[in-house]
Protein backbone atom coordinates (compact mmCIF):
# COMPACT_ATOMS: atom_id res chain seq x y z
CA UNK A 1 -0.05 0.06 0.18
CA UNK A 2 1.54 3.18 -1.25
CA UNK A 3 1.24 6.23 1.25
CA UNK A 4 0.98 9.74 0.43
CA UNK A 5 -0.20 12.97 2.16
CA UNK A 6 -3.91 12.75 2.54
CA UNK A 7 -6.70 14.79 4.21
CA UNK A 8 -7.41 13.27 7.54
CA UNK A 9 -8.64 15.95 9.94
CA UNK A 10 -11.67 17.99 8.81
CA UNK A 11 -11.60 21.70 9.34
CA UNK A 12 -14.25 21.98 12.31
CA UNK A 13 -12.18 19.12 14.19
CA UNK A 14 -9.09 21.27 13.86
CA UNK A 15 -10.70 24.66 14.92
CA UNK A 16 -12.33 22.91 17.87
CA UNK A 17 -8.96 21.50 18.93
CA UNK A 18 -7.12 24.91 19.00
CA UNK A 19 -9.97 26.83 20.36
CA UNK A 20 -10.16 24.41 23.06
CA UNK A 21 -6.56 24.65 23.79
CA UNK A 22 -6.83 28.35 24.03
CA UNK A 23 -9.87 28.28 26.29
CA UNK A 24 -8.41 25.70 28.69
CA UNK A 25 -4.94 27.70 28.82
CA UNK A 26 -6.64 31.01 29.36
CA UNK A 27 -9.11 29.45 32.07
CA UNK A 28 -6.00 27.94 33.85
CA UNK A 29 -3.82 30.84 33.85
CA UNK A 30 -6.58 33.15 35.20
CA UNK A 31 -8.02 30.80 37.67
CA UNK A 32 -6.31 32.42 40.76
CA UNK A 33 -6.86 36.01 39.67
CA UNK A 34 -9.95 37.84 41.02
CA UNK A 35 -9.15 40.68 38.63
CA UNK A 36 -9.34 38.47 35.54
CA UNK A 37 -12.36 36.30 36.95
CA UNK A 38 -14.73 37.48 34.02
CA UNK A 39 -12.00 36.29 31.47
CA UNK A 40 -11.68 32.87 33.37
CA UNK A 41 -15.58 32.44 33.30
CA UNK A 42 -15.70 33.18 29.49
CA UNK A 43 -13.00 30.65 28.77
CA UNK A 44 -15.04 28.15 30.83
CA UNK A 45 -18.18 28.87 29.02
CA UNK A 46 -16.31 28.69 25.61
CA UNK A 47 -14.65 25.36 26.46
CA UNK A 48 -18.26 23.89 27.48
CA UNK A 49 -19.75 25.12 24.25
CA UNK A 50 -16.88 23.64 22.35
CA UNK A 51 -17.15 20.36 23.99
CA UNK A 52 -20.89 20.18 23.28
CA UNK A 53 -20.20 20.86 19.50
CA UNK A 54 -17.53 18.04 19.63
CA UNK A 55 -20.09 15.75 20.91
CA UNK A 56 -22.40 16.28 18.24
CA UNK A 57 -19.72 16.40 15.47
CA UNK A 58 -18.59 12.87 16.89
CA UNK A 59 -21.52 11.42 15.44
CA UNK A 60 -22.26 13.65 12.39
CA UNK A 61 -18.77 14.78 11.25
CA UNK A 62 -16.30 13.26 8.67
CA UNK A 63 -14.84 9.81 9.01
CA UNK A 64 -11.98 10.29 11.49
CA UNK A 65 -13.80 12.76 13.60
CA UNK A 66 -16.72 10.28 14.55
CA UNK A 67 -16.46 8.46 17.63
CA UNK A 68 -17.00 5.11 15.87
CA UNK A 69 -13.69 5.44 14.08
CA UNK A 70 -11.55 5.43 17.45
CA UNK A 71 -13.48 3.03 19.55
CA UNK A 72 -10.72 0.85 20.95
CA UNK A 73 -10.88 -1.54 23.90
CA UNK A 74 -8.12 -2.04 26.56
CA UNK A 75 -6.77 -4.97 24.46
CA UNK A 76 -6.04 -2.79 21.46
CA UNK A 77 -4.73 0.08 23.69
CA UNK A 78 -2.14 -2.64 25.24
CA UNK A 79 -1.26 -4.05 21.82
CA UNK A 80 -0.51 -0.37 20.53
CA UNK A 81 1.68 0.52 23.58
CA UNK A 82 3.53 -2.62 23.25
CA UNK A 83 4.20 -1.85 19.58
CA UNK A 84 5.79 1.51 20.70
CA UNK A 85 7.97 -0.13 23.13
CA UNK A 86 9.11 -2.66 20.41
CA UNK A 87 10.11 0.22 18.10
CA UNK A 88 7.51 -0.98 15.44
CA UNK A 89 4.61 1.21 16.25
CA UNK A 90 1.11 0.49 14.60
CA UNK A 91 0.25 3.08 12.19
CA UNK A 92 -3.34 4.66 12.37
CA UNK A 93 -4.61 7.08 9.89
CA UNK A 94 -6.93 8.58 12.46
CA UNK A 95 -6.54 8.53 16.30
CA UNK A 96 -4.48 5.70 17.65
CA UNK A 97 -5.78 3.49 20.47
CA UNK A 98 -3.97 5.31 23.31
CA UNK A 99 -4.71 8.60 21.92
CA UNK A 100 -8.22 7.72 21.70
CA UNK A 101 -8.50 6.98 25.47
CA UNK A 102 -6.83 10.36 26.14
CA UNK A 103 -9.32 12.08 23.99
CA UNK A 104 -12.22 10.56 25.71
CA UNK A 105 -10.62 11.46 29.11
CA UNK A 106 -10.24 15.08 28.00
CA UNK A 107 -13.86 15.51 26.84
CA UNK A 108 -15.21 13.96 29.95
CA UNK A 109 -12.88 15.90 32.32
CA UNK A 110 -13.54 19.15 30.31
CA UNK A 111 -17.29 18.64 30.78
CA UNK A 112 -16.85 18.07 34.40
CA UNK A 113 -14.53 20.87 35.01
CA UNK A 114 -16.61 23.40 33.03
CA UNK A 115 -19.89 22.30 34.63
CA UNK A 116 -18.52 22.39 38.16
CA UNK A 117 -17.20 25.75 37.33
CA UNK A 118 -20.51 27.01 36.35
CA UNK A 119 -21.98 25.69 39.59
CA UNK A 120 -19.22 27.44 41.57
CA UNK A 121 -20.08 30.71 39.52
CA UNK A 122 -23.73 30.47 40.32
CA UNK A 123 -22.95 29.86 44.05
CA UNK A 124 -24.52 26.44 43.99
CA UNK A 125 -22.15 25.21 46.64
CA UNK A 126 -19.59 26.06 49.23
CA UNK A 127 -15.84 25.80 49.35
CA UNK A 128 -16.00 21.95 48.82
CA UNK A 129 -17.46 22.74 45.28
CA UNK A 130 -14.42 24.97 44.46
CA UNK A 131 -12.15 22.27 45.61
CA UNK A 132 -13.86 19.68 43.34
CA UNK A 133 -13.75 22.18 40.43
CA UNK A 134 -9.95 22.71 40.94
CA UNK A 135 -9.50 18.85 41.24
CA UNK A 136 -11.13 18.31 38.06
CA UNK A 137 -8.98 21.06 36.33
CA UNK A 138 -5.77 19.71 37.75
CA UNK A 139 -6.49 16.16 36.58
CA UNK A 140 -7.30 17.56 33.11
CA UNK A 141 -4.06 19.33 33.09
CA UNK A 142 -2.21 16.06 33.98
CA UNK A 143 -4.19 14.28 31.16
CA UNK A 144 -3.19 17.17 28.79
CA UNK A 145 0.65 16.51 29.83
CA UNK A 146 0.22 12.86 29.03
CA UNK A 147 -1.54 13.58 25.67
CA UNK A 148 1.19 16.08 24.47
CA UNK A 149 3.98 13.62 25.62
CA UNK A 150 2.09 10.93 23.57
CA UNK A 151 1.91 13.22 20.52
CA UNK A 152 5.80 13.96 20.73
CA UNK A 153 6.64 10.34 21.24
CA UNK A 154 4.28 9.31 18.63
CA UNK A 155 5.73 11.85 16.23
CA UNK A 156 9.25 10.78 16.80
CA UNK A 157 8.38 6.97 16.37
CA UNK A 158 6.10 7.35 13.25
CA UNK A 159 8.62 10.07 11.84
CA UNK A 160 5.59 12.19 11.33
CA UNK A 161 4.59 15.56 12.85
CA UNK A 162 1.23 14.80 14.41
CA UNK A 163 0.90 18.30 15.98
CA UNK A 164 1.30 19.96 12.62
CA UNK A 165 -1.25 17.47 11.17
CA UNK A 166 -3.85 18.96 13.35
CA UNK A 167 -3.11 22.34 11.73
CA UNK A 168 -3.08 21.34 8.02
CA UNK A 169 -5.31 18.36 8.45
CA UNK A 170 -2.96 16.03 6.46
CA UNK A 171 -1.36 12.83 7.40
CA UNK A 172 0.43 9.81 5.75
CA UNK A 173 -2.00 7.27 4.24
CA UNK A 174 -3.36 5.55 1.14
CA UNK A 175 -5.41 7.81 -1.17
CA UNK A 176 -8.57 5.61 -0.66
CA UNK A 177 -8.23 6.47 3.28
CA UNK A 178 -8.62 10.32 2.81
CA UNK A 179 -11.65 12.13 3.57
CA UNK A 180 -13.52 13.78 0.76
CA UNK A 181 -14.32 17.26 2.10
CA UNK A 182 -12.86 19.46 4.74
CA UNK A 183 -16.21 20.96 5.96
CA UNK A 184 -15.06 24.39 5.93
CA UNK A 185 -18.61 25.65 6.38
CA UNK A 186 -18.94 24.17 9.97
CA UNK A 187 -15.53 25.33 10.94
CA UNK A 188 -16.59 29.02 9.77
CA UNK A 189 -19.83 28.58 11.80
CA UNK A 190 -17.87 27.51 14.90
CA UNK A 191 -15.27 30.20 14.64
CA UNK A 192 -17.98 32.81 14.04
CA UNK A 193 -19.89 31.70 17.15
CA UNK A 194 -16.70 31.88 19.27
CA UNK A 195 -15.93 35.47 18.01
CA UNK A 196 -19.53 36.49 18.54
CA UNK A 197 -19.44 35.24 22.10
CA UNK A 198 -16.29 36.93 22.93
CA UNK A 199 -17.46 40.28 21.53
CA UNK A 200 -20.71 40.23 23.43
CA UNK A 201 -22.89 39.58 20.31
CA UNK A 202 -24.03 36.25 22.09
CA UNK A 203 -24.40 37.04 25.90
CA UNK A 204 -22.62 35.10 28.52
CA UNK A 205 -24.81 33.79 31.31
CA UNK A 206 -24.39 36.14 34.54
CA UNK A 207 -22.03 38.45 32.67
CA UNK A 208 -22.39 41.61 30.64
CA UNK A 209 -21.14 41.77 27.17
CA UNK A 210 -17.79 40.37 27.01
CA UNK A 211 -16.03 43.31 25.27
CA UNK A 212 -17.80 45.67 27.85
CA UNK A 213 -16.52 43.43 30.84
CA UNK A 214 -12.87 43.19 29.49
CA UNK A 215 -12.88 46.87 29.13
CA UNK A 216 -14.20 47.52 32.68
CA UNK A 217 -11.40 45.24 33.90
CA UNK A 218 -8.73 47.39 32.18
CA UNK A 219 -10.15 50.34 33.37
CA UNK A 220 -10.28 49.18 36.94
CA UNK A 221 -6.58 48.26 36.62
CA UNK A 222 -5.87 51.69 35.31
CA UNK A 223 -7.75 53.31 38.28
CA UNK A 224 -6.23 51.19 40.86
CA UNK A 225 -2.76 52.00 39.50
CA UNK A 226 -3.59 56.00 39.58
CA UNK A 227 -4.75 55.65 43.19
CA UNK A 228 -1.57 53.84 44.37
CA UNK A 229 0.42 56.58 42.65
CA UNK A 230 -1.38 59.27 44.24
């Protein structure tokens, strides 16, 4: 079977992936800041909406975006990990067995983290709920670290840049294994919805328009600095 560069990851899957990376990073970096609390909340809302989209796209998306294409049991995961240790890794056009489990874990932890964060923001619980939310976030960070490590190791062993593939959509495979369309329309809708949310065109529950809130945060910081100077 002669391999060449083929389209594997459709555009919505790629846009979802990098928006989720940005949302989680933004939420994690602002988690301990009262000044940037609204940004933290907006990142959490964004992540929750993105994960809801991914659940839907996992059933109606293109071939390798569908959950059915990376439904692997423990035996397949073990076999794949052994192939890595042997230096002769199994090649998978879509998600490999180990990577698929990381993806399922990230989706579940992302939903739990965002949902518990929403509950904390709505004052549905006390300090214990904040601790639960933080535990979910830290566990998700640990899985992200494992996932990134797996991508690096897989890229080296397969001699293929897996991170770049999630940018371009192309991986090595046989021509008949390629998906037919990148589905740019769905990616454009997803990106437009994210932009509309962050600019305040789509209101965030419990917050004013995003642009207004960010402006108020910046203004508050300037006033505080002026007060300290005086």
